[in-house]
Amino acid sequence: MRDFFASITDIVGGRSGAYESKLQEGREAALNELEQKARRLGANGVIAIDLDFETLRDGMMMIVATGTAVRV
């Protein structure tokens, strides 16, 4: 239902604040996890970061962050 209302908001030219807020939270969590994993590998940076967003059933979202851990 949430996705339905978010899509209606998008169709009429508005933006869904709740949906955007959840996307931002998920993005930050995915990037933080990517950074922690890189540090555990002994890296001090991550390059070529890619974020993938998927909407699953019942309003759930999956956000995947991938990148290459580097030491510079």
N, C-alpha and C. Protein backbone atom coordinates (compact mmCIF):
# COMPACT_ATOMS: atom_id res chain seq x y z
N MET A 1 0.83 -1.18 0.00
CA MET A 1 0.00 0.00 0.00
C MET A 1 0.88 1.26 0.00
N ARG A 2 1.96 1.22 0.78
CA ARG A 2 2.87 2.35 0.85
C ARG A 2 3.46 2.66 -0.52
N ASP A 3 3.87 1.60 -1.24
CA ASP A 3 4.42 1.79 -2.58
C ASP A 3 3.38 2.38 -3.52
N PHE A 4 2.13 1.97 -3.34
CA PHE A 4 1.06 2.50 -4.17
C PHE A 4 0.94 4.01 -4.01
N PHE A 5 0.90 4.48 -2.76
CA PHE A 5 0.78 5.91 -2.51
C PHE A 5 2.04 6.67 -2.96
N ALA A 6 3.20 6.05 -2.78
CA ALA A 6 4.43 6.69 -3.24
C ALA A 6 4.42 6.84 -4.75
N SER A 7 3.91 5.83 -5.45
CA SER A 7 3.87 5.92 -6.91
C SER A 7 2.86 6.96 -7.37
N ILE A 8 1.74 7.10 -6.66
CA ILE A 8 0.76 8.14 -7.00
C ILE A 8 1.39 9.51 -6.81
N THR A 9 2.11 9.69 -5.72
CA THR A 9 2.77 10.97 -5.47
C THR A 9 3.74 11.28 -6.60
N ASP A 10 4.49 10.27 -7.05
CA ASP A 10 5.43 10.48 -8.14
C ASP A 10 4.72 10.82 -9.45
N ILE A 11 3.59 10.20 -9.71
CA ILE A 11 2.85 10.43 -10.95
C ILE A 11 2.37 11.87 -11.03
N VAL A 12 1.90 12.42 -9.92
CA VAL A 12 1.37 13.78 -9.94
C VAL A 12 2.47 14.83 -9.76
N GLY A 13 3.71 14.39 -9.74
CA GLY A 13 4.83 15.33 -9.73
C GLY A 13 5.39 15.64 -8.37
N GLY A 14 4.86 15.05 -7.33
CA GLY A 14 5.38 15.29 -5.99
C GLY A 14 6.44 14.25 -5.64
N ARG A 15 6.86 14.31 -4.39
CA ARG A 15 7.83 13.34 -3.92
C ARG A 15 7.33 12.80 -2.59
N SER A 16 7.55 11.54 -2.36
CA SER A 16 7.13 10.90 -1.12
C SER A 16 8.24 11.07 -0.09
N GLY A 17 8.01 11.92 0.89
CA GLY A 17 9.02 12.18 1.92
C GLY A 17 9.36 10.95 2.73
N ALA A 18 8.35 10.15 3.08
CA ALA A 18 8.60 8.94 3.88
C ALA A 18 9.44 7.95 3.08
N TYR A 19 9.13 7.79 1.81
CA TYR A 19 9.86 6.85 0.96
C TYR A 19 11.31 7.32 0.78
N GLU A 20 11.49 8.60 0.54
CA GLU A 20 12.84 9.15 0.37
C GLU A 20 13.65 9.02 1.65
N SER A 21 13.00 9.21 2.79
CA SER A 21 13.68 9.09 4.07
C SER A 21 14.18 7.67 4.28
N LYS A 22 13.35 6.69 3.97
CA LYS A 22 13.75 5.29 4.12
C LYS A 22 14.88 4.94 3.16
N LEU A 23 14.83 5.46 1.95
CA LEU A 23 15.92 5.23 0.99
C LEU A 23 17.23 5.80 1.52
N GLN A 24 17.18 6.99 2.07
CA GLN A 24 18.38 7.63 2.62
C GLN A 24 18.95 6.82 3.79
N GLU A 25 18.07 6.37 4.68
CA GLU A 25 18.52 5.55 5.81
C GLU A 25 19.18 4.26 5.32
N GLY A 26 18.56 3.62 4.35
CA GLY A 26 19.11 2.38 3.80
C GLY A 26 20.43 2.60 3.10
N ARG A 27 20.53 3.70 2.37
CA ARG A 27 21.77 4.04 1.66
C ARG A 27 22.91 4.22 2.66
N GLU A 28 22.65 4.98 3.73
CA GLU A 28 23.67 5.21 4.75
C GLU A 28 24.09 3.92 5.43
N ALA A 29 23.13 3.06 5.74
CA ALA A 29 23.44 1.78 6.39
C ALA A 29 24.28 0.90 5.47
N ALA A 30 23.94 0.84 4.19
CA ALA A 30 24.68 0.02 3.24
C ALA A 30 26.11 0.53 3.08
N LEU A 31 26.28 1.85 2.99
CA LEU A 31 27.62 2.42 2.84
C LEU A 31 28.45 2.23 4.11
N ASN A 32 27.82 2.35 5.28
CA ASN A 32 28.54 2.12 6.54
C ASN A 32 29.02 0.68 6.64
N GLU A 33 28.16 -0.26 6.24
CA GLU A 33 28.56 -1.66 6.27
C GLU A 33 29.70 -1.93 5.28
N LEU A 34 29.64 -1.31 4.11
CA LEU A 34 30.70 -1.46 3.12
C LEU A 34 32.02 -0.93 3.69
N GLU A 35 31.97 0.21 4.35
CA GLU A 35 33.18 0.80 4.95
C GLU A 35 33.75 -0.11 6.03
N GLN A 36 32.90 -0.65 6.89
CA GLN A 36 33.36 -1.54 7.96
C GLN A 36 34.02 -2.79 7.40
N LYS A 37 33.43 -3.36 6.37
CA LYS A 37 34.01 -4.56 5.76
C LYS A 37 35.36 -4.26 5.12
N ALA A 38 35.48 -3.10 4.48
CA ALA A 38 36.75 -2.71 3.87
C ALA A 38 37.82 -2.54 4.94
N ARG A 39 37.47 -1.91 6.06
CA ARG A 39 38.45 -1.73 7.15
C ARG A 39 38.91 -3.07 7.71
N ARG A 40 37.98 -4.03 7.84
CA ARG A 40 38.35 -5.36 8.34
C ARG A 40 39.33 -6.06 7.39
N LEU A 41 39.28 -5.69 6.12
CA LEU A 41 40.21 -6.26 5.13
C LEU A 41 41.54 -5.52 5.11
N GLY A 42 41.67 -4.47 5.91
CA GLY A 42 42.90 -3.69 5.94
C GLY A 42 42.93 -2.55 4.95
N ALA A 43 41.81 -2.25 4.34
CA ALA A 43 41.74 -1.17 3.35
C ALA A 43 41.50 0.16 4.06
N ASN A 44 41.86 1.24 3.38
CA ASN A 44 41.57 2.57 3.92
C ASN A 44 40.72 3.39 2.95
N GLY A 45 40.14 2.70 1.98
CA GLY A 45 39.24 3.37 1.04
C GLY A 45 38.47 2.35 0.21
N VAL A 46 37.43 2.84 -0.45
CA VAL A 46 36.63 2.00 -1.34
C VAL A 46 36.40 2.79 -2.62
N ILE A 47 36.67 2.16 -3.75
CA ILE A 47 36.46 2.82 -5.04
C ILE A 47 35.41 2.05 -5.84
N ALA A 48 34.94 2.66 -6.90
CA ALA A 48 33.96 2.06 -7.82
C ALA A 48 32.73 1.56 -7.06
N ILE A 49 32.20 2.42 -6.20
CA ILE A 49 31.02 2.06 -5.40
C ILE A 49 29.78 2.05 -6.29
N ASP A 50 28.98 1.00 -6.14
CA ASP A 50 27.72 0.87 -6.87
C ASP A 50 26.62 0.58 -5.85
N LEU A 51 25.53 1.31 -5.95
CA LEU A 51 24.37 1.09 -5.08
C LEU A 51 23.22 0.57 -5.92
N ASP A 52 22.64 -0.54 -5.49
CA ASP A 52 21.47 -1.11 -6.16
C ASP A 52 20.29 -1.08 -5.20
N PHE A 53 19.16 -0.60 -5.69
CA PHE A 53 17.94 -0.49 -4.88
C PHE A 53 16.88 -1.40 -5.47
N GLU A 54 16.25 -2.19 -4.62
CA GLU A 54 15.15 -3.07 -5.04
C GLU A 54 14.00 -2.90 -4.07
N THR A 55 12.79 -2.82 -4.59
CA THR A 55 11.60 -2.81 -3.75
C THR A 55 11.05 -4.22 -3.72
N LEU A 56 10.94 -4.77 -2.53
CA LEU A 56 10.42 -6.12 -2.35
C LEU A 56 8.96 -6.04 -1.96
N ARG A 57 8.36 -7.15 -1.66
CA ARG A 57 6.95 -7.16 -1.29
C ARG A 57 6.73 -6.53 0.09
N ASP A 58 5.53 -6.15 0.36
CA ASP A 58 5.11 -5.59 1.65
C ASP A 58 5.89 -4.33 2.02
N GLY A 59 6.33 -3.56 1.03
CA GLY A 59 6.99 -2.29 1.30
C GLY A 59 8.44 -2.40 1.74
N MET A 60 9.01 -3.61 1.71
CA MET A 60 10.41 -3.77 2.11
C MET A 60 11.32 -3.35 0.96
N MET A 61 12.48 -2.82 1.34
CA MET A 61 13.48 -2.44 0.35
C MET A 61 14.77 -3.19 0.62
N MET A 62 15.50 -3.45 -0.44
CA MET A 62 16.82 -4.04 -0.32
C MET A 62 17.79 -3.08 -1.01
N ILE A 63 18.82 -2.71 -0.28
CA ILE A 63 19.84 -1.82 -0.84
C ILE A 63 21.18 -2.53 -0.70
N VAL A 64 21.86 -2.70 -1.82
CA VAL A 64 23.14 -3.40 -1.85
C VAL A 64 24.21 -2.42 -2.29
N ALA A 65 25.28 -2.33 -1.50
CA ALA A 65 26.42 -1.49 -1.84
C ALA A 65 27.60 -2.40 -2.14
N THR A 66 28.21 -2.22 -3.31
CA THR A 66 29.41 -2.97 -3.66
C THR A 66 30.50 -1.99 -4.06
N GLY A 67 31.73 -2.43 -3.93
CA GLY A 67 32.86 -1.59 -4.31
C GLY A 67 34.15 -2.38 -4.16
N THR A 68 35.24 -1.75 -4.51
CA THR A 68 36.55 -2.37 -4.41
C THR A 68 37.32 -1.73 -3.27
N ALA A 69 37.69 -2.56 -2.29
CA ALA A 69 38.47 -2.08 -1.15
C ALA A 69 39.91 -1.85 -1.61
N VAL A 70 40.47 -0.70 -1.24
CA VAL A 70 41.84 -0.36 -1.63
C VAL A 70 42.62 0.18 -0.44
N ARG A 71 43.93 0.07 -0.57
CA ARG A 71 44.82 0.68 0.43
C ARG A 71 45.72 1.63 -0.34
N VAL A 72 45.63 2.91 0.00
CA VAL A 72 46.45 3.92 -0.69
C VAL A 72 47.40 4.60 0.26
